[in-house]
All heavy atoms as atom14 arrays in JSON, in Angstrom:
{
  "sequence": "RSSASLASFFYFNLNLIFDNLKLVQPTSTSEVFE",
  "atom14_mask": [
    [1, 1, 1, 1, 1, 1, 1, 1, 1, 1, 1, 0, 0, 0],
    [1, 1, 1, 1, 1, 1, 0, 0, 0, 0, 0, 0, 0, 0],
    [1, 1, 1, 1, 1, 1, 0, 0, 0, 0, 0, 0, 0, 0],
    [1, 1, 1, 1, 1, 0, 0, 0, 0, 0, 0, 0, 0, 0],
    [1, 1, 1, 1, 1, 1, 0, 0, 0, 0, 0, 0, 0, 0],
    [1, 1, 1, 1, 1, 1, 1, 1, 0, 0, 0, 0, 0, 0],
    [1, 1, 1, 1, 1, 0, 0, 0, 0, 0, 0, 0, 0, 0],
    [1, 1, 1, 1, 1, 1, 0, 0, 0, 0, 0, 0, 0, 0],
    [1, 1, 1, 1, 1, 1, 1, 1, 1, 1, 1, 0, 0, 0],
    [1, 1, 1, 1, 1, 1, 1, 1, 1, 1, 1, 0, 0, 0],
    [1, 1, 1, 1, 1, 1, 1, 1, 1, 1, 1, 1, 0, 0],
    [1, 1, 1, 1, 1, 1, 1, 1, 1, 1, 1, 0, 0, 0],
    [1, 1, 1, 1, 1, 1, 1, 1, 0, 0, 0, 0, 0, 0],
    [1, 1, 1, 1, 1, 1, 1, 1, 0, 0, 0, 0, 0, 0],
    [1, 1, 1, 1, 1, 1, 1, 1, 0, 0, 0, 0, 0, 0],
    [1, 1, 1, 1, 1, 1, 1, 1, 0, 0, 0, 0, 0, 0],
    [1, 1, 1, 1, 1, 1, 1, 1, 0, 0, 0, 0, 0, 0],
    [1, 1, 1, 1, 1, 1, 1, 1, 1, 1, 1, 0, 0, 0],
    [1, 1, 1, 1, 1, 1, 1, 1, 0, 0, 0, 0, 0, 0],
    [1, 1, 1, 1, 1, 1, 1, 1, 0, 0, 0, 0, 0, 0],
    [1, 1, 1, 1, 1, 1, 1, 1, 0, 0, 0, 0, 0, 0],
    [1, 1, 1, 1, 1, 1, 1, 1, 1, 0, 0, 0, 0, 0],
    [1, 1, 1, 1, 1, 1, 1, 1, 0, 0, 0, 0, 0, 0],
    [1, 1, 1, 1, 1, 1, 1, 0, 0, 0, 0, 0, 0, 0],
    [1, 1, 1, 1, 1, 1, 1, 1, 1, 0, 0, 0, 0, 0],
    [1, 1, 1, 1, 1, 1, 1, 0, 0, 0, 0, 0, 0, 0],
    [1, 1, 1, 1, 1, 1, 1, 0, 0, 0, 0, 0, 0, 0],
    [1, 1, 1, 1, 1, 1, 0, 0, 0, 0, 0, 0, 0, 0],
    [1, 1, 1, 1, 1, 1, 1, 0, 0, 0, 0, 0, 0, 0],
    [1, 1, 1, 1, 1, 1, 0, 0, 0, 0, 0, 0, 0, 0],
    [1, 1, 1, 1, 1, 1, 1, 1, 1, 0, 0, 0, 0, 0],
    [1, 1, 1, 1, 1, 1, 1, 0, 0, 0, 0, 0, 0, 0],
    [1, 1, 1, 1, 1, 1, 1, 1, 1, 1, 1, 0, 0, 0],
    [1, 1, 1, 1, 1, 1, 1, 1, 1, 0, 0, 0, 0, 0]
  ],
  "atom14_positions": [
    [[0.84, -1.18, -0.01], [-0.02, -0.01, -0.01], [0.88, 1.24, 0.01], [1.79, 1.34, -0.8], [-1.01, -0.05, 1.16], [-1.9, -1.33, 1.09], [-2.96, -1.38, 2.16], [-4.0, -0.42, 1.9], [-5.03, -0.62, 1.05], [-5.08, -1.74, 0.34], [-5.94, 0.3, 0.88], [0.0, 0.0, 0.0], [0.0, 0.0, 0.0], [0.0, 0.0, 0.0]],
    [[0.67, 2.21, 0.89], [1.46, 3.44, 0.85], [2.93, 3.17, 1.11], [3.81, 3.91, 0.62], [0.92, 4.47, 1.84], [1.01, 4.01, 3.17], [0.0, 0.0, 0.0], [0.0, 0.0, 0.0], [0.0, 0.0, 0.0], [0.0, 0.0, 0.0], [0.0, 0.0, 0.0], [0.0, 0.0, 0.0], [0.0, 0.0, 0.0], [0.0, 0.0, 0.0]],
    [[3.23, 2.13, 1.89], [4.63, 1.78, 2.21], [5.34, 1.13, 1.02], [6.54, 0.99, 1.04], [4.68, 0.88, 3.43], [4.19, 1.52, 4.59], [0.0, 0.0, 0.0], [0.0, 0.0, 0.0], [0.0, 0.0, 0.0], [0.0, 0.0, 0.0], [0.0, 0.0, 0.0], [0.0, 0.0, 0.0], [0.0, 0.0, 0.0], [0.0, 0.0, 0.0]],
    [[4.58, 0.71, 0.02], [5.16, 0.06, -1.14], [6.12, 1.02, -1.87], [7.13, 0.59, -2.44], [4.09, -0.43, -2.11], [0.0, 0.0, 0.0], [0.0, 0.0, 0.0], [0.0, 0.0, 0.0], [0.0, 0.0, 0.0], [0.0, 0.0, 0.0], [0.0, 0.0, 0.0], [0.0, 0.0, 0.0], [0.0, 0.0, 0.0], [0.0, 0.0, 0.0]],
    [[5.8, 2.32, -1.87], [6.65, 3.28, -2.56], [8.02, 3.36, -1.86], [9.06, 3.5, -2.53], [5.98, 4.65, -2.59], [5.68, 5.11, -1.28], [0.0, 0.0, 0.0], [0.0, 0.0, 0.0], [0.0, 0.0, 0.0], [0.0, 0.0, 0.0], [0.0, 0.0, 0.0], [0.0, 0.0, 0.0], [0.0, 0.0, 0.0], [0.0, 0.0, 0.0]],
    [[8.02, 3.32, -0.52], [9.28, 3.31, 0.23], [10.09, 2.07, -0.08], [11.31, 2.13, -0.28], [8.99, 3.41, 1.71], [8.35, 4.71, 2.21], [7.96, 4.57, 3.68], [9.28, 5.92, 2.01], [0.0, 0.0, 0.0], [0.0, 0.0, 0.0], [0.0, 0.0, 0.0], [0.0, 0.0, 0.0], [0.0, 0.0, 0.0], [0.0, 0.0, 0.0]],
    [[9.41, 0.92, -0.09], [10.1, -0.34, -0.35], [10.68, -0.36, -1.77], [11.81, -0.82, -1.98], [9.14, -1.53, -0.16], [0.0, 0.0, 0.0], [0.0, 0.0, 0.0], [0.0, 0.0, 0.0], [0.0, 0.0, 0.0], [0.0, 0.0, 0.0], [0.0, 0.0, 0.0], [0.0, 0.0, 0.0], [0.0, 0.0, 0.0], [0.0, 0.0, 0.0]],
    [[9.93, 0.14, -2.72], [10.38, 0.16, -4.12], [11.6, 1.1, -4.3], [12.56, 0.74, -4.99], [9.28, 0.6, -5.05], [8.24, -0.33, -5.05], [0.0, 0.0, 0.0], [0.0, 0.0, 0.0], [0.0, 0.0, 0.0], [0.0, 0.0, 0.0], [0.0, 0.0, 0.0], [0.0, 0.0, 0.0], [0.0, 0.0, 0.0], [0.0, 0.0, 0.0]],
    [[11.56, 2.25, -3.61], [12.68, 3.19, -3.68], [13.93, 2.56, -3.1], [15.03, 2.65, -3.67], [12.31, 4.45, -2.92], [13.43, 5.49, -2.89], [13.6, 6.38, -3.92], [14.26, 5.56, -1.78], [14.61, 7.32, -3.88], [15.3, 6.5, -1.73], [15.46, 7.39, -2.78], [0.0, 0.0, 0.0], [0.0, 0.0, 0.0], [0.0, 0.0, 0.0]],
    [[13.77, 1.9, -1.94], [14.93, 1.27, -1.28], [15.48, 0.15, -2.17], [16.69, 0.04, -2.39], [14.48, 0.71, 0.05], [15.6, 0.1, 0.88], [16.7, 0.87, 1.28], [15.57, -1.22, 1.25], [17.7, 0.33, 2.02], [16.59, -1.78, 2.0], [17.67, -1.01, 2.38], [0.0, 0.0, 0.0], [0.0, 0.0, 0.0], [0.0, 0.0, 0.0]],
    [[14.59, -0.68, -2.73], [15.0, -1.79, -3.58], [15.72, -1.3, -4.83], [16.78, -1.83, -5.18], [13.81, -2.65, -3.96], [14.1, -3.69, -5.01], [14.69, -4.88, -4.68], [13.82, -3.43, -6.36], [15.01, -5.82, -5.64], [14.1, -4.38, -7.32], [14.71, -5.55, -6.97], [15.03, -6.49, -7.93], [0.0, 0.0, 0.0], [0.0, 0.0, 0.0]],
    [[15.15, -0.3, -5.47], [15.74, 0.2, -6.72], [17.18, 0.66, -6.49], [18.08, 0.31, -7.28], [14.91, 1.36, -7.26], [15.54, 2.07, -8.42], [15.45, 1.53, -9.71], [16.25, 3.26, -8.26], [16.05, 2.18, -10.78], [16.88, 3.88, -9.33], [16.76, 3.35, -10.58], [0.0, 0.0, 0.0], [0.0, 0.0, 0.0], [0.0, 0.0, 0.0]],
    [[17.41, 1.43, -5.45], [18.75, 1.98, -5.23], [19.71, 0.93, -4.66], [20.89, 0.9, -5.06], [18.67, 3.18, -4.28], [18.06, 4.4, -4.94], [18.72, 5.07, -5.71], [16.8, 4.65, -4.69], [0.0, 0.0, 0.0], [0.0, 0.0, 0.0], [0.0, 0.0, 0.0], [0.0, 0.0, 0.0], [0.0, 0.0, 0.0], [0.0, 0.0, 0.0]],
    [[19.24, 0.07, -3.76], [20.12, -0.95, -3.23], [20.47, -1.99, -4.29], [21.57, -2.57, -4.27], [19.42, -1.65, -2.04], [20.36, -2.29, -1.0], [21.29, -1.25, -0.34], [19.55, -3.02, 0.09], [0.0, 0.0, 0.0], [0.0, 0.0, 0.0], [0.0, 0.0, 0.0], [0.0, 0.0, 0.0], [0.0, 0.0, 0.0], [0.0, 0.0, 0.0]],
    [[19.57, -2.17, -5.24], [19.83, -3.13, -6.32], [20.94, -2.66, -7.25], [21.51, -3.5, -8.0], [18.52, -3.35, -7.1], [18.62, -4.57, -8.01], [19.02, -5.62, -7.58], [18.21, -4.39, -9.24], [0.0, 0.0, 0.0], [0.0, 0.0, 0.0], [0.0, 0.0, 0.0], [0.0, 0.0, 0.0], [0.0, 0.0, 0.0], [0.0, 0.0, 0.0]],
    [[21.25, -1.38, -7.21], [22.39, -0.89, -8.01], [23.71, -1.23, -7.35], [24.79, -1.17, -7.99], [22.29, 0.65, -8.14], [21.1, 1.18, -8.92], [21.06, 2.7, -8.85], [21.13, 0.72, -10.38], [0.0, 0.0, 0.0], [0.0, 0.0, 0.0], [0.0, 0.0, 0.0], [0.0, 0.0, 0.0], [0.0, 0.0, 0.0], [0.0, 0.0, 0.0]],
    [[23.64, -1.66, -6.08], [24.85, -1.97, -5.32], [25.03, -3.46, -5.12], [26.14, -3.98, -5.19], [24.83, -1.28, -3.93], [24.64, 0.26, -4.13], [26.09, -1.57, -3.14], [24.41, 0.99, -2.81], [0.0, 0.0, 0.0], [0.0, 0.0, 0.0], [0.0, 0.0, 0.0], [0.0, 0.0, 0.0], [0.0, 0.0, 0.0], [0.0, 0.0, 0.0]],
    [[23.92, -4.18, -4.84], [23.97, -5.6, -4.53], [23.23, -6.41, -5.59], [22.3, -5.92, -6.24], [23.33, -5.88, -3.18], [24.06, -5.25, -2.0], [23.53, -4.16, -1.36], [25.27, -5.76, -1.56], [24.18, -3.59, -0.3], [25.93, -5.19, -0.48], [25.38, -4.1, 0.14], [0.0, 0.0, 0.0], [0.0, 0.0, 0.0], [0.0, 0.0, 0.0]],
    [[23.62, -7.69, -5.71], [22.94, -8.61, -6.59], [22.0, -9.53, -5.83], [21.17, -10.2, -6.46], [23.95, -9.47, -7.37], [24.8, -8.64, -8.34], [24.21, -7.74, -8.97], [26.0, -8.88, -8.39], [0.0, 0.0, 0.0], [0.0, 0.0, 0.0], [0.0, 0.0, 0.0], [0.0, 0.0, 0.0], [0.0, 0.0, 0.0], [0.0, 0.0, 0.0]],
    [[22.13, -9.58, -4.54], [21.37, -10.55, -3.73], [20.12, -9.96, -3.15], [19.82, -10.05, -1.95], [22.25, -11.08, -2.58], [22.79, -9.98, -1.69], [22.95, -8.85, -2.11], [23.09, -10.35, -0.47], [0.0, 0.0, 0.0], [0.0, 0.0, 0.0], [0.0, 0.0, 0.0], [0.0, 0.0, 0.0], [0.0, 0.0, 0.0], [0.0, 0.0, 0.0]],
    [[19.32, -9.29, -4.01], [18.13, -8.6, -3.55], [16.88, -9.22, -4.16], [16.89, -9.67, -5.32], [18.2, -7.11, -3.94], [18.18, -6.12, -2.79], [19.5, -6.18, -2.07], [17.91, -4.72, -3.28], [0.0, 0.0, 0.0], [0.0, 0.0, 0.0], [0.0, 0.0, 0.0], [0.0, 0.0, 0.0], [0.0, 0.0, 0.0], [0.0, 0.0, 0.0]],
    [[15.79, -9.17, -3.38], [14.51, -9.63, -3.91], [13.41, -8.72, -3.37], [13.28, -8.55, -2.16], [14.21, -11.08, -3.49], [12.91, -11.64, -4.05], [12.77, -13.09, -3.77], [11.5, -13.63, -4.4], [11.34, -15.1, -4.19], [0.0, 0.0, 0.0], [0.0, 0.0, 0.0], [0.0, 0.0, 0.0], [0.0, 0.0, 0.0], [0.0, 0.0, 0.0]],
    [[12.65, -8.11, -4.28], [11.51, -7.3, -3.88], [10.29, -8.2, -3.81], [9.87, -8.78, -4.82], [11.27, -6.18, -4.89], [10.1, -5.25, -4.6], [10.31, -4.49, -3.29], [9.91, -4.25, -5.76], [0.0, 0.0, 0.0], [0.0, 0.0, 0.0], [0.0, 0.0, 0.0], [0.0, 0.0, 0.0], [0.0, 0.0, 0.0], [0.0, 0.0, 0.0]],
    [[9.76, -8.4, -2.62], [8.59, -9.26, -2.44], [7.38, -8.55, -2.95], [7.06, -7.41, -2.53], [8.41, -9.64, -0.95], [7.2, -10.53, -0.78], [9.68, -10.3, -0.41], [0.0, 0.0, 0.0], [0.0, 0.0, 0.0], [0.0, 0.0, 0.0], [0.0, 0.0, 0.0], [0.0, 0.0, 0.0], [0.0, 0.0, 0.0], [0.0, 0.0, 0.0]],
    [[6.65, -9.18, -3.86], [5.45, -8.61, -4.47], [4.24, -9.21, -3.77], [3.83, -10.33, -4.08], [5.41, -8.91, -5.98], [6.63, -8.43, -6.75], [6.66, -6.93, -6.91], [5.7, -6.24, -6.59], [7.78, -6.4, -7.42], [0.0, 0.0, 0.0], [0.0, 0.0, 0.0], [0.0, 0.0, 0.0], [0.0, 0.0, 0.0], [0.0, 0.0, 0.0]],
    [[3.62, -8.46, -2.86], [2.56, -9.05, -2.03], [1.16, -8.94, -2.66], [0.28, -8.22, -2.17], [2.64, -8.2, -0.76], [3.08, -6.86, -1.25], [3.97, -7.12, -2.45], [0.0, 0.0, 0.0], [0.0, 0.0, 0.0], [0.0, 0.0, 0.0], [0.0, 0.0, 0.0], [0.0, 0.0, 0.0], [0.0, 0.0, 0.0], [0.0, 0.0, 0.0]],
    [[0.93, -9.61, -3.79], [-0.38, -9.57, -4.39], [-1.42, -10.37, -3.58], [-2.58, -10.03, -3.61], [-0.31, -10.17, -5.82], [0.31, -11.46, -5.77], [0.52, -9.26, -6.73], [0.0, 0.0, 0.0], [0.0, 0.0, 0.0], [0.0, 0.0, 0.0], [0.0, 0.0, 0.0], [0.0, 0.0, 0.0], [0.0, 0.0, 0.0], [0.0, 0.0, 0.0]],
    [[-0.96, -11.38, -2.84], [-1.82, -12.09, -1.95], [-0.97, -12.61, -0.79], [0.26, -12.72, -0.91], [-2.5, -13.26, -2.66], [-1.58, -14.28, -2.97], [0.0, 0.0, 0.0], [0.0, 0.0, 0.0], [0.0, 0.0, 0.0], [0.0, 0.0, 0.0], [0.0, 0.0, 0.0], [0.0, 0.0, 0.0], [0.0, 0.0, 0.0], [0.0, 0.0, 0.0]],
    [[-1.63, -12.95, 0.33], [-0.86, -13.42, 1.48], [-0.14, -14.72, 1.18], [1.01, -14.91, 1.57], [-1.84, -13.66, 2.69], [-2.48, -12.41, 2.98], [-1.06, -14.11, 3.91], [0.0, 0.0, 0.0], [0.0, 0.0, 0.0], [0.0, 0.0, 0.0], [0.0, 0.0, 0.0], [0.0, 0.0, 0.0], [0.0, 0.0, 0.0], [0.0, 0.0, 0.0]],
    [[-0.78, -15.64, 0.44], [-0.15, -16.9, 0.1], [1.1, -16.7, -0.75], [2.12, -17.36, -0.58], [-1.12, -17.83, -0.62], [-1.57, -17.25, -1.84], [0.0, 0.0, 0.0], [0.0, 0.0, 0.0], [0.0, 0.0, 0.0], [0.0, 0.0, 0.0], [0.0, 0.0, 0.0], [0.0, 0.0, 0.0], [0.0, 0.0, 0.0], [0.0, 0.0, 0.0]],
    [[1.04, -15.74, -1.68], [2.19, -15.47, -2.55], [3.34, -14.82, -1.78], [4.5, -15.03, -2.15], [1.76, -14.58, -3.73], [0.88, -15.31, -4.73], [0.61, -14.5, -5.98], [1.23, -13.4, -6.12], [-0.23, -14.91, -6.77], [0.0, 0.0, 0.0], [0.0, 0.0, 0.0], [0.0, 0.0, 0.0], [0.0, 0.0, 0.0], [0.0, 0.0, 0.0]],
    [[3.02, -14.09, -0.73], [4.08, -13.54, 0.11], [4.9, -14.68, 0.72], [6.15, -14.67, 0.68], [3.52, -12.65, 1.24], [4.58, -12.31, 2.27], [2.94, -11.38, 0.66], [0.0, 0.0, 0.0], [0.0, 0.0, 0.0], [0.0, 0.0, 0.0], [0.0, 0.0, 0.0], [0.0, 0.0, 0.0], [0.0, 0.0, 0.0], [0.0, 0.0, 0.0]],
    [[4.22, -15.69, 1.23], [4.94, -16.81, 1.85], [5.68, -17.65, 0.81], [6.78, -18.19, 1.08], [3.94, -17.7, 2.64], [3.5, -17.07, 3.9], [2.2, -16.64, 4.04], [4.38, -16.89, 4.97], [1.77, -16.03, 5.22], [3.96, -16.29, 6.14], [2.65, -15.86, 6.27], [0.0, 0.0, 0.0], [0.0, 0.0, 0.0], [0.0, 0.0, 0.0]],
    [[5.11, -17.71, -0.4], [5.83, -18.45, -1.47], [7.12, -17.73, -1.82], [8.16, -18.38, -2.04], [4.92, -18.52, -2.71], [3.74, -19.46, -2.51], [2.7, -19.32, -3.62], [2.95, -18.55, -4.58], [1.61, -19.94, -3.48], [0.0, 0.0, 0.0], [0.0, 0.0, 0.0], [0.0, 0.0, 0.0], [0.0, 0.0, 0.0], [0.0, 0.0, 0.0]]
  ]
}
């Protein structure tokens, strides 16, 4: 929700530095756990 913009900003910039990053896409609760 509103915090997704913060997470995306952090992921975008940190991904320029590290390769071991994963942005969790929470379309549903079950997919979050997957």
